[in-house]
């Protein structure tokens, strides 16, 4: 997974072309929704609710892939599988990795938006 970038520049360039002036809004919405999804994953894991954990991880995976965050999407795929296999006892380090990668993605998106030009 380390060979995957935090952000997929090619996917982001395509998104920016499509979204034009709404690209920043899309990114901010993704970041806000992602925070909520991480909280939902933590709660589902703490509650032992594998079903909810799996659904949230699946949804989060899709949004990560769509926005161009491949590492985070892969971590969510792994989390989704852990939920499907009812292995919630194995997810604390995975949730920590998701949180760490989300911070990296958030920082990368903020740098990208600060440049004002989108992906290079």
C-alpha atoms as a PDB file:
ATOM      1  CA  UNK A   1       0.000   0.000   0.000  1.00  0.00           C
ATOM      2  CA  UNK A   2       2.950   2.348   0.505  1.00  0.00           C
ATOM      3  CA  UNK A   3       3.345   2.589  -3.245  1.00  0.00           C
ATOM      4  CA  UNK A   4      -0.035   4.317  -3.479  1.00  0.00           C
ATOM      5  CA  UNK A   5      -0.074   8.100  -3.191  1.00  0.00           C
ATOM      6  CA  UNK A   6      -2.114   9.921  -0.585  1.00  0.00           C
ATOM      7  CA  UNK A   7      -3.901  11.656  -3.466  1.00  0.00           C
ATOM      8  CA  UNK A   8      -4.308  10.500  -7.062  1.00  0.00           C
ATOM      9  CA  UNK A   9      -3.333  13.612  -9.007  1.00  0.00           C
ATOM     10  CA  UNK A  10      -4.786  12.315 -12.273  1.00  0.00           C
ATOM     11  CA  UNK A  11      -8.187  11.550 -10.729  1.00  0.00           C
ATOM     12  CA  UNK A  12      -8.182  14.950  -9.019  1.00  0.00           C
ATOM     13  CA  UNK A  13      -7.380  16.741 -12.267  1.00  0.00           C
ATOM     14  CA  UNK A  14     -10.365  15.045 -13.908  1.00  0.00           C
ATOM     15  CA  UNK A  15     -12.609  15.908 -10.952  1.00  0.00           C
ATOM     16  CA  UNK A  16     -11.518  19.515 -11.067  1.00  0.00           C
ATOM     17  CA  UNK A  17     -12.244  19.699 -14.783  1.00  0.00           C
ATOM     18  CA  UNK A  18     -15.757  18.387 -14.177  1.00  0.00           C
ATOM     19  CA  UNK A  19     -16.480  20.334 -10.991  1.00  0.00           C
ATOM     20  CA  UNK A  20     -14.755  23.580 -12.006  1.00  0.00           C
ATOM     21  CA  UNK A  21     -15.513  26.234  -9.350  1.00  0.00           C
ATOM     22  CA  UNK A  22     -17.279  23.677  -7.121  1.00  0.00           C
ATOM     23  CA  UNK A  23     -14.140  21.565  -6.667  1.00  0.00           C
ATOM     24  CA  UNK A  24     -13.250  23.195  -3.326  1.00  0.00           C
ATOM     25  CA  UNK A  25     -16.784  22.628  -2.052  1.00  0.00           C
ATOM     26  CA  UNK A  26     -16.582  18.978  -3.095  1.00  0.00           C
ATOM     27  CA  UNK A  27     -13.309  18.533  -1.204  1.00  0.00           C
ATOM     28  CA  UNK A  28     -14.581  20.274   1.938  1.00  0.00           C
ATOM     29  CA  UNK A  29     -17.767  18.165   1.860  1.00  0.00           C
ATOM     30  CA  UNK A  30     -15.686  14.996   1.503  1.00  0.00           C
ATOM     31  CA  UNK A  31     -13.469  15.990   4.444  1.00  0.00           C
ATOM     32  CA  UNK A  32     -16.450  16.802   6.649  1.00  0.00           C
ATOM     33  CA  UNK A  33     -18.292  13.605   5.727  1.00  0.00           C
ATOM     34  CA  UNK A  34     -15.134  11.580   6.274  1.00  0.00           C
ATOM     35  CA  UNK A  35     -14.763  12.855   9.837  1.00  0.00           C
ATOM     36  CA  UNK A  36     -18.308  11.670  10.530  1.00  0.00           C
ATOM     37  CA  UNK A  37     -17.619   8.298   8.925  1.00  0.00           C
ATOM     38  CA  UNK A  38     -14.513   7.787  11.054  1.00  0.00           C
ATOM     39  CA  UNK A  39     -16.567   8.570  14.163  1.00  0.00           C
ATOM     40  CA  UNK A  40     -19.231   6.096  12.976  1.00  0.00           C
ATOM     41  CA  UNK A  41     -16.578   3.418  12.439  1.00  0.00           C
ATOM     42  CA  UNK A  42     -15.222   3.997  15.943  1.00  0.00           C
ATOM     43  CA  UNK A  43     -18.696   3.812  17.479  1.00  0.00           C
ATOM     44  CA  UNK A  44     -19.667   0.677  15.556  1.00  0.00           C
ATOM     45  CA  UNK A  45     -16.408  -1.000  16.590  1.00  0.00           C
ATOM     46  CA  UNK A  46     -16.896  -0.001  20.235  1.00  0.00           C
ATOM     47  CA  UNK A  47     -20.500  -1.246  20.134  1.00  0.00           C
ATOM     48  CA  UNK A  48     -19.480  -4.514  18.479  1.00  0.00           C
ATOM     49  CA  UNK A  49     -21.814  -3.750  15.560  1.00  0.00           C
ATOM     50  CA  UNK A  50     -20.091  -5.527  12.665  1.00  0.00           C
ATOM     51  CA  UNK A  51     -22.993  -4.813  10.295  1.00  0.00           C
ATOM     52  CA  UNK A  52     -22.872  -1.051  10.793  1.00  0.00           C
ATOM     53  CA  UNK A  53     -19.061  -1.120  10.719  1.00  0.00           C
ATOM     54  CA  UNK A  54     -19.091  -2.973   7.378  1.00  0.00           C
ATOM     55  CA  UNK A  55     -21.657  -0.629   5.790  1.00  0.00           C
ATOM     56  CA  UNK A  56     -19.798   2.489   6.947  1.00  0.00           C
ATOM     57  CA  UNK A  57     -16.416   1.149   5.797  1.00  0.00           C
ATOM     58  CA  UNK A  58     -17.926   0.246   2.404  1.00  0.00           C
ATOM     59  CA  UNK A  59     -19.437   3.711   1.962  1.00  0.00           C
ATOM     60  CA  UNK A  60     -16.234   5.418   3.123  1.00  0.00           C
ATOM     61  CA  UNK A  61     -14.188   3.275   0.715  1.00  0.00           C
ATOM     62  CA  UNK A  62     -16.318   4.427  -2.210  1.00  0.00           C
ATOM     63  CA  UNK A  63     -16.035   8.101  -1.369  1.00  0.00           C
ATOM     64  CA  UNK A  64     -12.258   7.803  -0.936  1.00  0.00           C
ATOM     65  CA  UNK A  65     -11.874   6.141  -4.308  1.00  0.00           C
ATOM     66  CA  UNK A  66     -14.172   8.666  -5.993  1.00  0.00           C
ATOM     67  CA  UNK A  67     -12.320  11.671  -4.555  1.00  0.00           C
ATOM     68  CA  UNK A  68      -8.880  10.259  -5.407  1.00  0.00           C
ATOM     69  CA  UNK A  69      -7.576   9.082  -2.005  1.00  0.00           C
ATOM     70  CA  UNK A  70      -6.356   5.557  -2.893  1.00  0.00           C
ATOM     71  CA  UNK A  71      -4.431   4.696   0.286  1.00  0.00           C
ATOM     72  CA  UNK A  72      -7.375   5.651   2.463  1.00  0.00           C
ATOM     73  CA  UNK A  73      -9.701   3.712   0.165  1.00  0.00           C
ATOM     74  CA  UNK A  74      -7.545   0.615   0.526  1.00  0.00           C
ATOM     75  CA  UNK A  75      -7.555   0.923   4.324  1.00  0.00           C
ATOM     76  CA  UNK A  76     -11.344   1.191   4.214  1.00  0.00           C
ATOM     77  CA  UNK A  77     -11.495  -1.904   2.012  1.00  0.00           C
ATOM     78  CA  UNK A  78      -9.495  -3.788   4.639  1.00  0.00           C
ATOM     79  CA  UNK A  79     -11.809  -2.459   7.370  1.00  0.00           C
ATOM     80  CA  UNK A  80     -14.856  -3.503   5.362  1.00  0.00           C
ATOM     81  CA  UNK A  81     -13.490  -7.041   5.068  1.00  0.00           C
ATOM     82  CA  UNK A  82     -12.766  -7.189   8.805  1.00  0.00           C
ATOM     83  CA  UNK A  83     -16.384  -6.205   9.448  1.00  0.00           C
ATOM     84  CA  UNK A  84     -17.690  -8.796   6.980  1.00  0.00           C
ATOM     85  CA  UNK A  85     -15.571 -11.433   8.726  1.00  0.00           C
ATOM     86  CA  UNK A  86     -16.864 -10.248  12.127  1.00  0.00           C
ATOM     87  CA  UNK A  87     -13.292  -9.529  13.289  1.00  0.00           C
ATOM     88  CA  UNK A  88     -13.938  -6.248  15.096  1.00  0.00           C
ATOM     89  CA  UNK A  89     -11.359  -7.223  17.718  1.00  0.00           C
ATOM     90  CA  UNK A  90      -8.741  -6.739  14.968  1.00  0.00           C
ATOM     91  CA  UNK A  91      -9.788  -3.224  13.966  1.00  0.00           C
ATOM     92  CA  UNK A  92      -8.223  -0.874  16.566  1.00  0.00           C
ATOM     93  CA  UNK A  93      -4.854  -0.663  14.733  1.00  0.00           C
ATOM     94  CA  UNK A  94      -6.716  -0.392  11.437  1.00  0.00           C
ATOM     95  CA  UNK A  95      -8.822   2.496  12.750  1.00  0.00           C
ATOM     96  CA  UNK A  96      -5.613   4.193  13.926  1.00  0.00           C
ATOM     97  CA  UNK A  97      -4.142   3.759  10.427  1.00  0.00           C
ATOM     98  CA  UNK A  98      -7.321   5.183   8.873  1.00  0.00           C
ATOM     99  CA  UNK A  99      -7.145   8.220  11.172  1.00  0.00           C
ATOM    100  CA  UNK A 100      -3.454   8.763  10.374  1.00  0.00           C
ATOM    101  CA  UNK A 101      -4.025   8.470   6.623  1.00  0.00           C
ATOM    102  CA  UNK A 102      -7.052  10.761   6.837  1.00  0.00           C
ATOM    103  CA  UNK A 103      -4.837  13.428   8.464  1.00  0.00           C
ATOM    104  CA  UNK A 104      -2.370  13.011   5.575  1.00  0.00           C
ATOM    105  CA  UNK A 105      -5.165  13.280   3.011  1.00  0.00           C
ATOM    106  CA  UNK A 106      -6.633  16.323   4.777  1.00  0.00           C
ATOM    107  CA  UNK A 107      -3.246  18.069   4.810  1.00  0.00           C
ATOM    108  CA  UNK A 108      -2.671  17.222   1.144  1.00  0.00           C
ATOM    109  CA  UNK A 109      -6.091  18.563   0.166  1.00  0.00           C
ATOM    110  CA  UNK A 110      -5.551  21.761   2.139  1.00  0.00           C
ATOM    111  CA  UNK A 111      -2.195  22.301   0.392  1.00  0.00           C
ATOM    112  CA  UNK A 112      -3.868  21.613  -2.960  1.00  0.00           C
ATOM    113  CA  UNK A 113      -6.681  24.097  -2.294  1.00  0.00           C
ATOM    114  CA  UNK A 114      -4.234  26.689  -0.984  1.00  0.00           C
ATOM    115  CA  UNK A 115      -2.385  26.552  -4.304  1.00  0.00           C
ATOM    116  CA  UNK A 116      -5.673  27.440  -5.922  1.00  0.00           C
ATOM    117  CA  UNK A 117      -4.728  25.700  -9.114  1.00  0.00           C
ATOM    118  CA  UNK A 118      -5.768  22.145  -8.345  1.00  0.00           C
ATOM    119  CA  UNK A 119      -3.538  19.171  -9.132  1.00  0.00           C
ATOM    120  CA  UNK A 120      -0.236  19.792 -10.868  1.00  0.00           C
END
